[in-house]
Amino acid sequence: MLVILVLPMFNEEQSIPLLAESTRTLQSVDVILAVNDGSTDSTLGKLKRWQTIEPRLKILSYTPNQGLPKALTAGFRKALEMDVDVIVTMDSDATHSTELIAAMVRKIREGSDIVIASRHVLGSSETGLSAFRKLLSWGASRLMRLFFSIKGLRDYSTNYRAYRASLVREALARSGGRLVTADDFSGVVELLLRLCSLSPRISEVPLELHYEAKLSSSKVRIMKTILGYLRLIAQPKVVSRAGVCLPLLTDNRNTR
């Protein structure tokens, strides 16, 4: 299986050396795609230097910054041009360990369509987070589970996931290339809820989140994200074999 690691980035100049080191001997990934989402620091320059020593690294760069959901969509489109089998996404701020990727890809090979690196299953842990941020993460997942009960899913808001590429391809084709409406971090949840309408098989692996390793400042706007979650809850829902979901978008507007 051809595996691509998609790394959405906005002002991650400090984390790039750590990413380069953590992926240097990573054998479960064939291509690394850095999506530079309009960074205003030296992210692009450091990516180009990384590329000189990492032949697997591809760079997709554009301006201005458009937000995480559009960066992910741009990464998906570029990945599908390479005819990959598995798309792995993770944060680029050094809080996610690449050691989980092999297990996530193995679960795709065994039949899962989406694999979540979950903070809410046995064996998971979170360090370096404030009590408020832990409560927010737990509360968001409980709220989503209340309104969107999906088989095999406990952690709705993490961006550390593996997707079967054919599932993403089908979703892009059916939605006219527009996967989400949100431009904030609630779009990560929205993406999952819309893919759910295609009845994917979802599984989770325990994540050890090391927030103390984060070098860049947080881009999450908490109130805007909470309002985004409430907007998702208010939308019309559909039921698939996977559970209660959001329908795929059907218009033909193009986004990155």
Protein backbone atom coordinates (compact mmCIF):
# COMPACT_ATOMS: atom_id res chain seq x y z
CA MET A 1 0.00 0.00 0.00
CA LEU A 2 1.27 3.45 -0.92
CA VAL A 3 1.06 5.70 2.14
CA ILE A 4 1.28 9.49 2.24
CA LEU A 5 1.65 11.61 5.36
CA VAL A 6 -0.07 15.00 4.96
CA LEU A 7 1.21 17.75 7.26
CA PRO A 8 -0.88 20.95 7.22
CA MET A 9 1.26 23.85 8.40
CA PHE A 10 0.79 27.46 9.42
CA ASN A 11 3.81 29.13 11.05
CA GLU A 12 5.51 25.92 12.18
CA GLU A 13 9.14 27.01 11.69
CA GLN A 14 10.14 25.77 15.15
CA SER A 15 8.65 22.30 14.71
CA ILE A 16 10.12 21.42 11.32
CA PRO A 17 13.49 20.14 12.64
CA LEU A 18 11.63 17.80 15.01
CA LEU A 19 9.39 16.59 12.20
CA ALA A 20 12.42 15.95 10.02
CA GLU A 21 14.04 13.89 12.75
CA SER A 22 10.90 11.94 13.69
CA THR A 23 10.23 10.95 10.06
CA ARG A 24 13.84 10.29 9.04
CA THR A 25 13.68 6.53 9.69
CA LEU A 26 9.90 6.18 9.34
CA GLN A 27 9.45 3.18 7.07
CA SER A 28 5.62 3.09 7.03
CA VAL A 29 5.35 6.27 4.91
CA ASP A 30 6.25 6.51 1.22
CA VAL A 31 5.52 10.22 0.64
CA ILE A 32 5.48 13.21 2.99
CA LEU A 33 3.37 16.16 1.83
CA ALA A 34 3.79 19.46 3.67
CA VAL A 35 0.89 21.84 2.99
CA ASN A 36 2.13 25.34 3.74
CA ASP A 37 -1.09 27.22 4.42
CA GLY A 38 0.09 30.80 3.94
CA SER A 39 2.74 30.84 6.66
CA THR A 40 4.20 34.26 7.43
CA ASP A 41 7.35 33.01 9.19
CA SER A 42 10.24 30.96 7.78
CA THR A 43 8.20 27.74 7.44
CA LEU A 44 8.55 27.58 3.65
CA GLY A 45 12.30 28.19 3.70
CA LYS A 46 12.83 25.48 6.31
CA LEU A 47 10.66 23.08 4.32
CA LYS A 48 12.84 23.67 1.25
CA ARG A 49 15.97 22.95 3.30
CA TRP A 50 14.36 19.80 4.68
CA GLN A 51 13.53 18.74 1.14
CA THR A 52 17.24 18.74 0.21
CA ILE A 53 17.85 15.84 2.61
CA GLU A 54 14.45 14.09 2.41
CA PRO A 55 13.58 12.76 -1.06
CA ARG A 56 10.09 11.73 0.08
CA LEU A 57 9.13 15.32 0.93
CA LYS A 58 6.78 17.22 -1.38
CA ILE A 59 5.70 20.81 -0.71
CA LEU A 60 2.35 22.37 -1.53
CA SER A 61 2.39 26.08 -0.72
CA TYR A 62 -0.10 28.90 -1.25
CA THR A 63 -1.13 32.27 0.18
CA PRO A 64 -2.93 33.67 2.03
CA ASN A 65 -3.72 31.47 5.01
CA GLN A 66 -7.07 29.73 4.50
CA GLY A 67 -7.41 27.60 7.62
CA LEU A 68 -6.96 23.94 8.51
CA PRO A 69 -10.02 22.51 6.69
CA LYS A 70 -8.94 23.93 3.32
CA ALA A 71 -5.34 22.88 3.93
CA LEU A 72 -6.52 19.32 4.51
CA THR A 73 -8.68 19.38 1.38
CA ALA A 74 -5.76 20.69 -0.66
CA GLY A 75 -3.60 17.92 0.76
CA PHE A 76 -6.20 15.28 -0.08
CA ARG A 77 -6.42 16.44 -3.68
CA LYS A 78 -2.66 16.44 -4.12
CA ALA A 79 -2.37 13.01 -2.49
CA LEU A 80 -5.00 11.53 -4.80
CA GLU A 81 -3.06 12.82 -7.81
CA MET A 82 -0.27 10.49 -6.65
CA ASP A 83 -2.66 7.52 -6.61
CA VAL A 84 -1.95 6.63 -2.98
CA ASP A 85 -3.81 3.99 -0.98
CA VAL A 86 -3.69 5.52 2.51
CA ILE A 87 -3.69 9.18 3.58
CA VAL A 88 -2.44 9.93 7.09
CA THR A 89 -2.95 13.39 8.57
CA MET A 90 -1.40 14.70 11.76
CA ASP A 91 -0.61 18.01 13.41
CA SER A 92 2.73 19.59 12.57
CA ASP A 93 3.43 21.03 16.03
CA ALA A 94 5.38 18.03 17.45
CA THR A 95 2.55 16.90 19.76
CA HIS A 96 1.79 13.76 17.71
CA SER A 97 4.26 10.88 17.61
CA THR A 98 4.85 9.27 14.21
CA GLU A 99 5.25 5.91 15.95
CA LEU A 100 1.48 5.29 15.65
CA ILE A 101 1.41 5.47 11.87
CA ALA A 102 2.43 1.86 11.29
CA ALA A 103 -0.40 0.59 13.52
CA MET A 104 -2.91 2.89 11.83
CA VAL A 105 -1.89 1.75 8.36
CA ARG A 106 -2.13 -1.87 9.50
CA LYS A 107 -5.73 -1.30 10.58
CA ILE A 108 -6.53 0.12 7.14
CA ARG A 109 -4.96 -2.96 5.59
CA GLU A 110 -7.14 -5.12 7.87
CA GLY A 111 -10.34 -3.47 6.68
CA SER A 112 -10.88 -0.12 8.42
CA ASP A 113 -11.65 2.91 6.25
CA ILE A 114 -10.79 5.52 8.87
CA VAL A 115 -8.46 5.04 11.83
CA ILE A 116 -8.38 7.60 14.64
CA ALA A 117 -5.48 8.21 17.01
CA SER A 118 -7.78 8.59 19.99
CA ARG A 119 -7.38 10.37 23.32
CA HIS A 120 -10.44 8.65 24.74
CA VAL A 121 -9.72 4.91 24.65
CA LEU A 122 -7.88 2.57 27.02
CA GLY A 123 -4.14 3.14 26.83
CA SER A 124 -4.34 6.77 25.76
CA SER A 125 -2.90 9.70 27.71
CA GLU A 126 -2.54 13.47 27.60
CA THR A 127 0.33 15.43 29.14
CA GLY A 128 1.04 19.13 29.15
CA LEU A 129 -2.60 20.19 28.78
CA SER A 130 -4.33 22.51 31.20
CA ALA A 131 -7.33 21.18 33.08
CA PHE A 132 -9.52 23.51 31.01
CA ARG A 133 -8.21 22.18 27.69
CA LYS A 134 -8.69 18.58 28.87
CA LEU A 135 -12.25 19.39 29.91
CA LEU A 136 -12.90 21.05 26.56
CA SER A 137 -11.61 18.02 24.63
CA TRP A 138 -13.63 15.59 26.76
CA GLY A 139 -16.75 17.75 26.60
CA ALA A 140 -16.55 18.15 22.82
CA SER A 141 -16.35 14.40 22.29
CA ARG A 142 -19.20 13.73 24.72
CA LEU A 143 -21.33 16.34 22.97
CA MET A 144 -20.61 14.90 19.54
CA ARG A 145 -21.31 11.35 20.73
CA LEU A 146 -24.67 12.53 22.08
CA PHE A 147 -25.81 13.97 18.75
CA PHE A 148 -23.70 11.89 16.32
CA SER A 149 -23.44 8.33 17.58
CA ILE A 150 -20.93 6.59 15.26
CA LYS A 151 -19.71 3.01 15.55
CA GLY A 152 -16.12 2.68 16.70
CA LEU A 153 -15.65 6.40 17.37
CA ARG A 154 -14.91 8.22 20.61
CA ASP A 155 -12.50 10.99 19.63
CA TYR A 156 -14.15 13.32 17.11
CA SER A 157 -11.80 16.30 17.13
CA THR A 158 -8.27 14.95 16.72
CA ASN A 159 -6.59 15.57 13.37
CA TYR A 160 -4.35 12.49 13.73
CA ARG A 161 -6.13 10.06 11.40
CA ALA A 162 -5.58 7.58 8.60
CA TYR A 163 -8.04 7.44 5.69
CA ARG A 164 -8.50 4.88 2.97
CA ALA A 165 -7.79 6.98 -0.12
CA SER A 166 -10.69 5.52 -2.10
CA LEU A 167 -13.11 6.82 0.57
CA VAL A 168 -11.73 10.35 0.26
CA ARG A 169 -11.81 10.12 -3.53
CA GLU A 170 -15.49 9.12 -3.48
CA ALA A 171 -16.35 11.93 -1.07
CA LEU A 172 -14.62 14.54 -3.22
CA ALA A 173 -16.32 13.24 -6.35
CA ARG A 174 -19.80 13.24 -4.81
CA SER A 175 -19.43 16.65 -3.18
CA GLY A 176 -18.02 18.47 -6.17
CA GLY A 177 -14.69 18.81 -4.38
CA ARG A 178 -16.09 20.60 -1.34
CA LEU A 179 -15.80 18.49 1.80
CA VAL A 180 -16.58 21.00 4.59
CA THR A 181 -18.07 24.44 5.12
CA ALA A 182 -16.17 25.46 8.27
CA ASP A 183 -12.96 27.45 8.07
CA ASP A 184 -11.94 26.84 11.70
CA PHE A 185 -10.96 23.80 13.74
CA SER A 186 -14.54 22.55 13.91
CA GLY A 187 -13.95 21.61 10.26
CA VAL A 188 -11.91 18.62 11.44
CA VAL A 189 -15.05 17.29 13.14
CA GLU A 190 -17.23 18.23 10.18
CA LEU A 191 -14.96 16.30 7.82
CA LEU A 192 -15.40 13.15 9.86
CA LEU A 193 -19.17 13.57 10.14
CA ARG A 194 -19.58 14.02 6.39
CA LEU A 195 -17.36 11.06 5.53
CA CYS A 196 -19.50 9.05 7.95
CA SER A 197 -22.40 9.31 5.48
CA LEU A 198 -20.50 6.91 3.19
CA SER A 199 -20.73 4.19 5.88
CA PRO A 200 -16.99 3.79 6.55
CA ARG A 201 -15.60 1.26 9.00
CA ILE A 202 -13.99 3.30 11.78
CA SER A 203 -11.53 2.11 14.40
CA GLU A 204 -9.25 3.78 16.95
CA VAL A 205 -5.78 3.34 18.39
CA PRO A 206 -4.70 4.90 21.71
CA LEU A 207 -2.84 8.20 21.41
CA GLU A 208 -0.25 9.54 23.83
CA LEU A 209 -0.61 13.28 23.32
CA HIS A 210 2.42 15.31 24.39
CA TYR A 211 1.21 18.89 24.43
CA GLU A 212 4.27 19.93 26.41
CA ALA A 213 6.32 19.27 23.26
CA LYS A 214 4.40 21.93 21.31
CA LEU A 215 6.76 24.70 20.16
CA SER A 216 4.42 26.93 18.15
CA SER A 217 1.57 28.95 19.58
CA SER A 218 -1.91 27.47 19.51
CA LYS A 219 -4.05 28.45 16.52
CA VAL A 220 -7.28 27.23 18.08
CA ARG A 221 -9.79 29.99 18.76
CA ILE A 222 -11.77 28.32 21.50
CA MET A 223 -15.02 30.29 21.34
CA LYS A 224 -15.14 30.16 17.53
CA THR A 225 -14.54 26.42 17.65
CA ILE A 226 -17.28 25.86 20.22
CA LEU A 227 -19.70 27.88 18.09
CA GLY A 228 -18.63 25.74 15.13
CA TYR A 229 -19.53 22.57 17.05
CA LEU A 230 -22.96 23.99 17.88
CA ARG A 231 -23.47 24.86 14.20
CA LEU A 232 -22.76 21.23 13.27
CA ILE A 233 -25.27 19.96 15.83
CA ALA A 234 -27.98 22.22 14.38
CA GLN A 235 -27.56 20.91 10.82
CA PRO A 236 -29.83 18.25 9.23
CA LYS A 237 -28.56 14.75 9.82
CA VAL A 238 -28.58 11.47 7.93
CA VAL A 239 -28.24 7.89 9.14
CA SER A 240 -25.77 5.52 7.52
CA ARG A 241 -24.56 2.06 8.49
CA ALA A 242 -21.82 3.84 10.48
CA GLY A 243 -24.23 5.90 12.56
CA VAL A 244 -25.72 9.40 12.69
CA CYS A 245 -23.85 11.67 10.29
CA LEU A 246 -23.93 14.85 8.24
CA PRO A 247 -24.71 14.52 4.52
CA LEU A 248 -22.04 15.19 1.95
CA LEU A 249 -22.19 18.66 0.44
CA THR A 250 -23.69 18.67 -3.04
CA ASP A 251 -22.84 22.04 -4.56
CA ASN A 252 -20.11 22.46 -7.18
CA ARG A 253 -18.15 25.35 -5.75
CA ASN A 254 -14.43 24.76 -5.80
CA THR A 255 -12.19 25.31 -2.81
CA ARG A 256 -8.52 24.60 -2.24
